[in-house]
Amino acid sequence: MLVVVMMVGEFLEGLGDTELVSVQNRAWLVVRLFANDPSDASTASNAGNCEVFRESGGLELPLSSGSGGSAGYEASRLLCQHCRVDGGGTLERVELFGLRFVSAESERVLARTILDGEGVDPRSRYPTLITPNVDIVLHLHAQGASRRLERAEGAAFVLPDGAPVVWSSRLFGKRLKARLAGSTLFAEMWPELSTARRVLMIASSQELVDRLGGDTDNLRYVVAPRIEVGDLVAVDALAKTCVDHSIDLRPEFIVIGLSHPKQEEIAHSLMAQWDRVDAPVPLMLMLGASAEMYVGMQRRAPVWMQRAGLEWFHRFLFAPKRLFRRYFIEDTQFLKFLWDQWRATKKTRL
């Protein structure tokens, strides 16, 4: 039953204003839009000055169809430089499930806001960005997870990375503007992070580091060893290694590309050890497998499936044994969770 609800909710979300497309496809659409109306200021500041627009003649960019095409990366980088989208200095928040979710029109606007050093929740206690979906929401509210919930409540940015979270907000009369996917946010931010910012990235594998291009003067990678959930000794050791690398780098951002809840544990261990670095604690972007999708190590759903809200089903098709229990058994608890939340809200109103 939950699967049906998820499909209906995500399909309705796909018919709304949400722009769930990859960087490569968005670049192509932007240029086609310029060809129809070069004066569209809502998409770019000046299409006439856009290098991509000039080189393509306003027609079609030579982008690869896959998620790992280098031509797509280069085009997205040019678009970032020449078609800068203004971010919002203050982001709207919607309180739901004890968290203050960012409510923004798109990942592109959010990325620009974060890169400009704006949009931090004034109530936040930790310099972290998290992306709760249904699974993470349930884990945060599980018995014995009060510490994890407290940390999530204090995050600087909480993204609704899952259409069920978005349509649940409507159920409670607190409408989130759009789903904000961590994988899309990474694709929007990485061209600038990797070339113009000081960044430390905690990567899941050496293969990922190699595909992203390896260390540069402004970019350092630390490959995480295999860490079991709850192994705080290993977490602290990895955090120490990252702090060692940060002493001279003094990163502006730390990207953590591991799974929940390991990446959250690592982030808070980093904060506890940061006094050895002569710099403010940077914003820590906890984006899971987003980088792996960016370079094509993991497949992301086609654009039409993203728009129709079927991205979860695409993941299931490629890993049915691993994901069957999550989607068809464990996630059914989300319906009970919604019911309990709704009853609690009704009692509060009374």
Protein backbone atom coordinates (compact mmCIF):
# COMPACT_ATOMS: atom_id res chain seq x y z
CA MET A 1 0.00 0.00 0.00
CA LEU A 2 2.82 2.40 0.84
CA VAL A 3 4.34 1.81 -2.58
CA VAL A 4 1.06 2.86 -4.24
CA VAL A 5 0.89 5.98 -2.09
CA MET A 6 4.52 6.81 -2.90
CA MET A 7 3.93 6.38 -6.63
CA VAL A 8 0.80 8.56 -6.63
CA GLY A 9 2.40 11.21 -4.44
CA GLU A 10 5.61 11.34 -6.44
CA PHE A 11 3.71 11.36 -9.76
CA LEU A 12 1.68 14.37 -8.62
CA GLU A 13 4.90 16.00 -7.49
CA GLY A 14 6.36 15.36 -10.94
CA LEU A 15 3.48 17.27 -12.52
CA GLY A 16 4.24 20.35 -10.42
CA ASP A 17 6.96 22.97 -10.68
CA THR A 18 9.80 20.73 -9.53
CA GLU A 19 12.72 20.54 -11.97
CA LEU A 20 14.17 17.06 -11.48
CA VAL A 21 16.70 16.90 -14.31
CA SER A 22 20.41 16.22 -14.46
CA VAL A 23 23.01 18.91 -14.95
CA GLN A 24 23.57 17.77 -18.51
CA ASN A 25 19.90 17.86 -19.45
CA ARG A 26 19.34 21.15 -17.67
CA ALA A 27 22.19 22.73 -19.65
CA TRP A 28 20.55 21.59 -22.90
CA LEU A 29 17.14 22.89 -21.84
CA VAL A 30 18.57 26.24 -20.78
CA VAL A 31 20.16 26.77 -24.16
CA ARG A 32 17.00 25.82 -25.99
CA LEU A 33 15.15 28.30 -23.81
CA PHE A 34 17.64 30.99 -24.78
CA ALA A 35 16.96 30.23 -28.44
CA ASN A 36 13.26 30.86 -27.89
CA ASP A 37 13.62 33.84 -25.57
CA PRO A 38 17.14 35.16 -24.92
CA SER A 39 15.78 37.84 -22.61
CA ASP A 40 14.50 35.35 -20.01
CA ALA A 41 16.15 36.80 -16.90
CA SER A 42 14.70 34.14 -14.61
CA THR A 43 17.06 31.55 -16.06
CA ALA A 44 20.21 33.52 -16.83
CA SER A 45 21.46 37.02 -16.33
CA ASN A 46 22.49 37.59 -19.93
CA ALA A 47 22.14 34.94 -22.63
CA GLY A 48 24.11 37.08 -25.08
CA ASN A 49 27.18 36.78 -22.84
CA CYS A 50 26.76 33.02 -22.33
CA GLU A 51 29.72 31.14 -23.79
CA VAL A 52 27.67 27.98 -24.18
CA PHE A 53 24.97 29.88 -26.02
CA ARG A 54 27.46 31.51 -28.39
CA GLU A 55 29.36 28.31 -29.16
CA SER A 56 26.22 26.26 -29.74
CA GLY A 57 24.46 28.89 -31.80
CA GLY A 58 21.46 28.58 -29.56
CA LEU A 59 20.81 25.06 -30.76
CA GLU A 60 22.08 21.87 -29.13
CA LEU A 61 25.04 21.28 -26.81
CA PRO A 62 27.37 18.33 -27.48
CA LEU A 63 26.45 16.65 -24.20
CA SER A 64 26.63 12.93 -23.56
CA SER A 65 23.42 11.13 -22.69
CA GLY A 66 24.98 9.37 -19.70
CA SER A 67 25.48 10.78 -16.24
CA GLY A 68 29.27 10.71 -16.53
CA GLY A 69 29.95 12.60 -19.74
CA SER A 70 32.87 15.00 -19.45
CA ALA A 71 31.28 17.27 -22.05
CA GLY A 72 28.30 17.61 -19.74
CA TYR A 73 30.54 18.63 -16.86
CA GLU A 74 32.28 21.26 -18.95
CA ALA A 75 28.97 22.67 -20.18
CA SER A 76 27.61 22.85 -16.66
CA ARG A 77 30.78 24.65 -15.54
CA LEU A 78 30.38 27.24 -18.30
CA LEU A 79 26.77 27.73 -17.40
CA CYS A 80 27.74 28.29 -13.78
CA GLN A 81 30.20 30.98 -14.83
CA HIS A 82 28.16 32.77 -17.45
CA CYS A 83 24.52 32.07 -16.51
CA ARG A 84 24.71 32.59 -12.79
CA VAL A 85 21.43 32.10 -10.98
CA ASP A 86 20.89 34.36 -8.00
CA GLY A 87 20.32 32.52 -4.76
CA GLY A 88 18.05 33.62 -1.96
CA GLY A 89 19.85 35.13 1.02
CA THR A 90 17.14 33.86 3.37
CA LEU A 91 15.62 30.46 2.74
CA GLU A 92 12.09 29.58 3.78
CA ARG A 93 11.78 26.75 6.28
CA VAL A 94 8.86 24.36 6.87
CA GLU A 95 8.69 22.51 10.19
CA LEU A 96 7.76 18.86 9.73
CA PHE A 97 8.56 15.70 11.72
CA GLY A 98 10.56 17.80 14.18
CA LEU A 99 12.87 19.08 11.42
CA ARG A 100 13.10 22.46 9.69
CA PHE A 101 13.12 21.57 5.99
CA VAL A 102 14.36 24.02 3.37
CA SER A 103 11.57 25.08 1.03
CA ALA A 104 13.12 26.26 -2.24
CA GLU A 105 12.14 26.23 -5.90
CA SER A 106 15.07 24.13 -7.10
CA GLU A 107 18.46 22.67 -6.24
CA ARG A 108 20.06 25.21 -8.55
CA VAL A 109 18.78 28.16 -6.52
CA LEU A 110 19.74 26.39 -3.29
CA ALA A 111 23.25 25.64 -4.58
CA ARG A 112 23.85 29.29 -5.45
CA THR A 113 22.60 30.37 -2.03
CA ILE A 114 24.94 27.95 -0.22
CA LEU A 115 27.94 28.84 -2.39
CA ASP A 116 27.30 32.51 -1.61
CA GLY A 117 27.54 31.68 2.10
CA GLU A 118 23.89 32.43 2.76
CA GLY A 119 20.71 30.64 3.76
CA VAL A 120 21.89 29.05 7.03
CA ASP A 121 19.02 28.35 9.40
CA PRO A 122 19.32 30.98 12.18
CA ARG A 123 18.18 28.34 14.67
CA SER A 124 20.86 25.83 13.65
CA ARG A 125 23.49 24.56 16.06
CA TYR A 126 25.67 22.57 13.66
CA PRO A 127 27.28 23.48 10.28
CA THR A 128 25.78 20.48 8.51
CA LEU A 129 23.59 19.78 5.49
CA ILE A 130 21.47 16.63 5.60
CA THR A 131 19.04 15.11 3.10
CA PRO A 132 16.32 13.11 4.91
CA ASN A 133 14.15 10.79 2.84
CA VAL A 134 11.54 8.36 4.19
CA ASP A 135 14.16 5.91 5.46
CA ILE A 136 16.15 8.56 7.30
CA VAL A 137 13.04 10.16 8.82
CA LEU A 138 12.03 6.77 10.22
CA HIS A 139 15.56 6.10 11.53
CA LEU A 140 15.69 9.48 13.25
CA HIS A 141 12.43 8.76 15.08
CA ALA A 142 13.28 5.15 15.97
CA GLN A 143 13.64 4.12 19.58
CA GLY A 144 17.10 4.95 20.89
CA ALA A 145 17.86 7.50 18.16
CA SER A 146 17.22 10.65 20.20
CA ARG A 147 20.82 11.85 19.83
CA ARG A 148 20.68 11.51 16.04
CA LEU A 149 17.36 13.36 15.97
CA GLU A 150 18.79 16.18 18.09
CA ARG A 151 21.69 16.56 15.67
CA ALA A 152 19.36 16.55 12.67
CA GLU A 153 17.13 19.17 14.32
CA GLY A 154 20.15 21.44 14.66
CA ALA A 155 21.43 21.15 11.08
CA ALA A 156 22.07 24.32 9.09
CA PHE A 157 20.30 22.88 6.02
CA VAL A 158 17.71 20.07 6.00
CA LEU A 159 16.65 19.05 2.49
CA PRO A 160 13.44 17.14 1.66
CA ASP A 161 15.12 14.44 -0.44
CA GLY A 162 12.08 12.34 -1.21
CA ALA A 163 8.70 13.09 -2.76
CA PRO A 164 6.81 11.35 0.10
CA VAL A 165 8.28 13.97 2.44
CA VAL A 166 7.00 16.71 0.13
CA TRP A 167 3.46 15.40 -0.21
CA SER A 168 3.36 14.68 3.53
CA SER A 169 3.95 18.38 4.09
CA ARG A 170 0.75 19.07 2.16
CA LEU A 171 -1.13 16.57 4.29
CA PHE A 172 -0.20 18.65 7.34
CA GLY A 173 -0.94 21.94 5.62
CA LYS A 174 2.75 22.92 5.46
CA ARG A 175 3.55 22.94 1.76
CA LEU A 176 7.14 22.38 0.71
CA LYS A 177 7.84 23.93 -2.69
CA ALA A 178 9.76 21.01 -4.17
CA ARG A 179 11.79 17.92 -3.57
CA LEU A 180 15.47 18.87 -3.18
CA ALA A 181 17.59 15.87 -4.14
CA GLY A 182 21.11 15.60 -2.77
CA SER A 183 22.34 14.05 -6.03
CA THR A 184 21.10 17.03 -8.04
CA LEU A 185 22.50 19.50 -5.50
CA PHE A 186 25.94 17.87 -5.76
CA ALA A 187 25.86 18.15 -9.56
CA GLU A 188 24.95 21.83 -9.27
CA MET A 189 27.69 22.63 -6.73
CA TRP A 190 30.60 20.41 -7.79
CA PRO A 191 31.85 22.40 -10.82
CA GLU A 192 32.49 25.40 -8.57
CA LEU A 193 33.54 23.42 -5.50
CA SER A 194 36.15 21.47 -7.44
CA THR A 195 37.71 24.46 -9.21
CA ALA A 196 37.21 27.59 -7.13
CA ARG A 197 36.80 26.56 -3.49
CA ARG A 198 38.91 24.84 -0.85
CA VAL A 199 37.26 21.47 -0.36
CA LEU A 200 37.96 18.26 1.52
CA MET A 201 35.98 15.26 0.31
CA ILE A 202 35.56 12.00 2.21
CA ALA A 203 35.12 9.52 -0.64
CA SER A 204 33.71 6.02 -0.57
CA SER A 205 36.44 4.52 -2.80
CA GLN A 206 39.66 5.22 -4.69
CA GLU A 207 37.78 4.61 -7.93
CA LEU A 208 35.53 7.57 -7.14
CA VAL A 209 38.56 9.77 -6.43
CA ASP A 210 40.15 8.76 -9.74
CA ARG A 211 36.98 9.50 -11.68
CA LEU A 212 36.65 12.91 -10.04
CA GLY A 213 40.22 13.76 -11.03
CA GLY A 214 42.28 13.35 -7.85
CA ASP A 215 43.87 15.95 -5.58
CA THR A 216 44.51 19.52 -6.66
CA ASP A 217 45.83 22.57 -4.83
CA ASN A 218 42.36 23.39 -3.53
CA LEU A 219 40.85 19.91 -3.37
CA ARG A 220 41.88 16.98 -1.16
CA TYR A 221 40.36 13.52 -0.88
CA VAL A 222 40.34 11.06 1.99
CA VAL A 223 39.18 7.56 1.10
CA ALA A 224 37.13 6.13 3.94
CA PRO A 225 37.92 2.58 5.10
CA ARG A 226 35.10 0.16 5.66
CA ILE A 227 33.39 1.24 8.88
CA GLU A 228 30.61 -0.65 10.61
CA VAL A 229 27.70 1.34 11.98
CA GLY A 230 28.37 2.17 15.62
CA ASP A 231 32.16 1.72 15.43
CA LEU A 232 32.98 5.08 16.99
CA VAL A 233 36.69 4.24 17.34
CA ALA A 234 36.97 3.88 13.56
CA VAL A 235 34.85 7.01 13.09
CA ASP A 236 37.15 9.07 15.33
CA ALA A 237 40.24 7.72 13.55
CA LEU A 238 38.88 8.73 10.14
CA ALA A 239 37.92 12.15 11.49
CA LYS A 240 41.45 12.62 12.85
CA THR A 241 42.91 11.88 9.41
CA CYS A 242 40.56 14.44 7.87
CA VAL A 243 41.53 17.06 10.46
CA ASP A 244 45.22 16.38 9.71
CA HIS A 245 44.57 17.15 6.04
CA SER A 246 42.57 20.25 6.97
CA ILE A 247 45.28 21.98 9.03
CA ASP A 248 46.98 23.44 5.96
CA LEU A 249 44.03 23.21 3.53
CA ARG A 250 41.57 25.06 5.81
CA PRO A 251 38.59 23.90 3.73
CA GLU A 252 35.51 26.01 3.12
CA PHE A 253 33.41 22.88 2.57
CA ILE A 254 33.66 19.23 3.52
CA VAL A 255 31.75 16.78 1.32
CA ILE A 256 31.00 13.46 2.98
CA GLY A 257 30.00 10.76 0.51
CA LEU A 258 29.07 7.88 2.80
CA SER A 259 25.82 6.35 3.97
CA HIS A 260 23.53 7.33 6.83
CA PRO A 261 24.19 7.29 9.77
CA LYS A 262 27.97 6.89 9.33
CA GLN A 263 28.42 10.25 7.62
CA GLU A 264 26.60 12.04 10.42
CA GLU A 265 28.78 10.36 13.05
CA ILE A 266 31.91 11.38 11.13
CA ALA A 267 30.72 14.98 10.81
CA HIS A 268 30.20 15.37 14.53
CA SER A 269 33.53 13.69 15.30
CA LEU A 270 35.16 16.22 12.98
CA MET A 271 33.54 19.06 14.91
CA ALA A 272 34.82 17.65 18.19
CA GLN A 273 38.41 17.56 16.87
CA TRP A 274 38.39 20.79 14.87
CA ASP A 275 40.18 22.85 17.52
CA ARG A 276 43.46 21.74 15.91
CA VAL A 277 42.58 23.70 12.76
CA ASP A 278 43.11 27.46 12.71
CA ALA A 279 39.89 28.13 10.78
CA PRO A 280 36.13 28.07 11.36
CA VAL A 281 34.37 24.72 11.09
CA PRO A 282 33.32 24.45 7.42
CA LEU A 283 29.88 23.53 6.15
CA MET A 284 29.68 19.74 5.95
CA LEU A 285 27.62 18.46 3.02
CA MET A 286 26.37 14.93 3.75
CA LEU A 287 25.40 13.76 0.28
CA GLY A 288 25.73 9.98 0.36
CA ALA A 289 26.19 8.40 -3.08
CA SER A 290 25.62 11.65 -4.99
CA ALA A 291 29.21 11.79 -6.27
CA GLU A 292 29.01 8.20 -7.46
CA MET A 293 25.91 9.08 -9.49
CA TYR A 294 27.66 12.15 -10.85
CA VAL A 295 30.53 10.13 -12.34
CA GLY A 296 28.34 7.22 -13.45
CA MET A 297 29.40 4.62 -10.86
CA GLN A 298 25.77 4.36 -9.85
CA ARG A 299 22.94 4.79 -12.30
CA ARG A 300 20.40 7.51 -11.72
CA ALA A 301 16.90 7.13 -13.11
CA PRO A 302 16.15 8.62 -16.53
CA VAL A 303 14.69 12.11 -16.48
CA TRP A 304 11.18 10.87 -17.26
CA MET A 305 11.25 8.56 -14.22
CA GLN A 306 12.51 11.40 -12.03
CA ARG A 307 9.66 13.60 -13.26
CA ALA A 308 7.10 10.83 -12.74
CA GLY A 309 8.34 10.14 -9.21
CA LEU A 310 9.64 6.67 -10.01
CA GLU A 311 13.29 7.12 -9.10
CA TRP A 312 12.92 4.78 -6.12
CA PHE A 313 11.55 2.07 -8.44
CA HIS A 314 14.52 2.50 -10.78
CA ARG A 315 16.86 1.85 -7.84
CA PHE A 316 14.83 -1.20 -6.86
CA LEU A 317 15.08 -2.68 -10.36
CA PHE A 318 18.89 -2.65 -10.18
CA ALA A 319 19.10 -4.05 -6.64
CA PRO A 320 15.87 -5.95 -5.91
CA LYS A 321 17.30 -8.31 -3.28
CA ARG A 322 18.90 -5.50 -1.29
CA LEU A 323 16.03 -3.01 -1.57
CA PHE A 324 12.93 -5.22 -1.42
CA ARG A 325 12.84 -5.23 2.38
CA ARG A 326 13.45 -1.47 2.57
CA TYR A 327 10.76 -0.40 0.12
CA PHE A 328 8.11 -3.09 0.58
CA ILE A 329 8.44 -3.96 4.29
CA GLU A 330 10.34 -1.40 6.36
CA ASP A 331 8.92 1.69 4.63
CA THR A 332 5.36 0.57 5.36
CA GLN A 333 6.06 1.93 8.85
CA PHE A 334 5.93 5.40 7.30
CA LEU A 335 2.13 5.16 7.07
CA LYS A 336 1.85 4.43 10.79
CA PHE A 337 4.35 7.21 11.46
CA LEU A 338 2.23 9.68 9.48
CA TRP A 339 -0.89 8.61 11.35
CA ASP A 340 0.83 9.06 14.72
CA GLN A 341 2.13 12.47 13.67
CA TRP A 342 -1.32 13.53 12.46
CA ARG A 343 -2.98 12.44 15.72
CA ALA A 344 -0.36 14.29 17.75
CA THR A 345 -0.99 17.41 15.68
CA LYS A 346 -4.74 17.16 16.23
CA LYS A 347 -4.26 16.80 20.00
CA THR A 348 -1.97 19.83 20.06
CA ARG A 349 -4.57 21.91 18.25
CA LEU A 350 -7.23 20.84 20.74
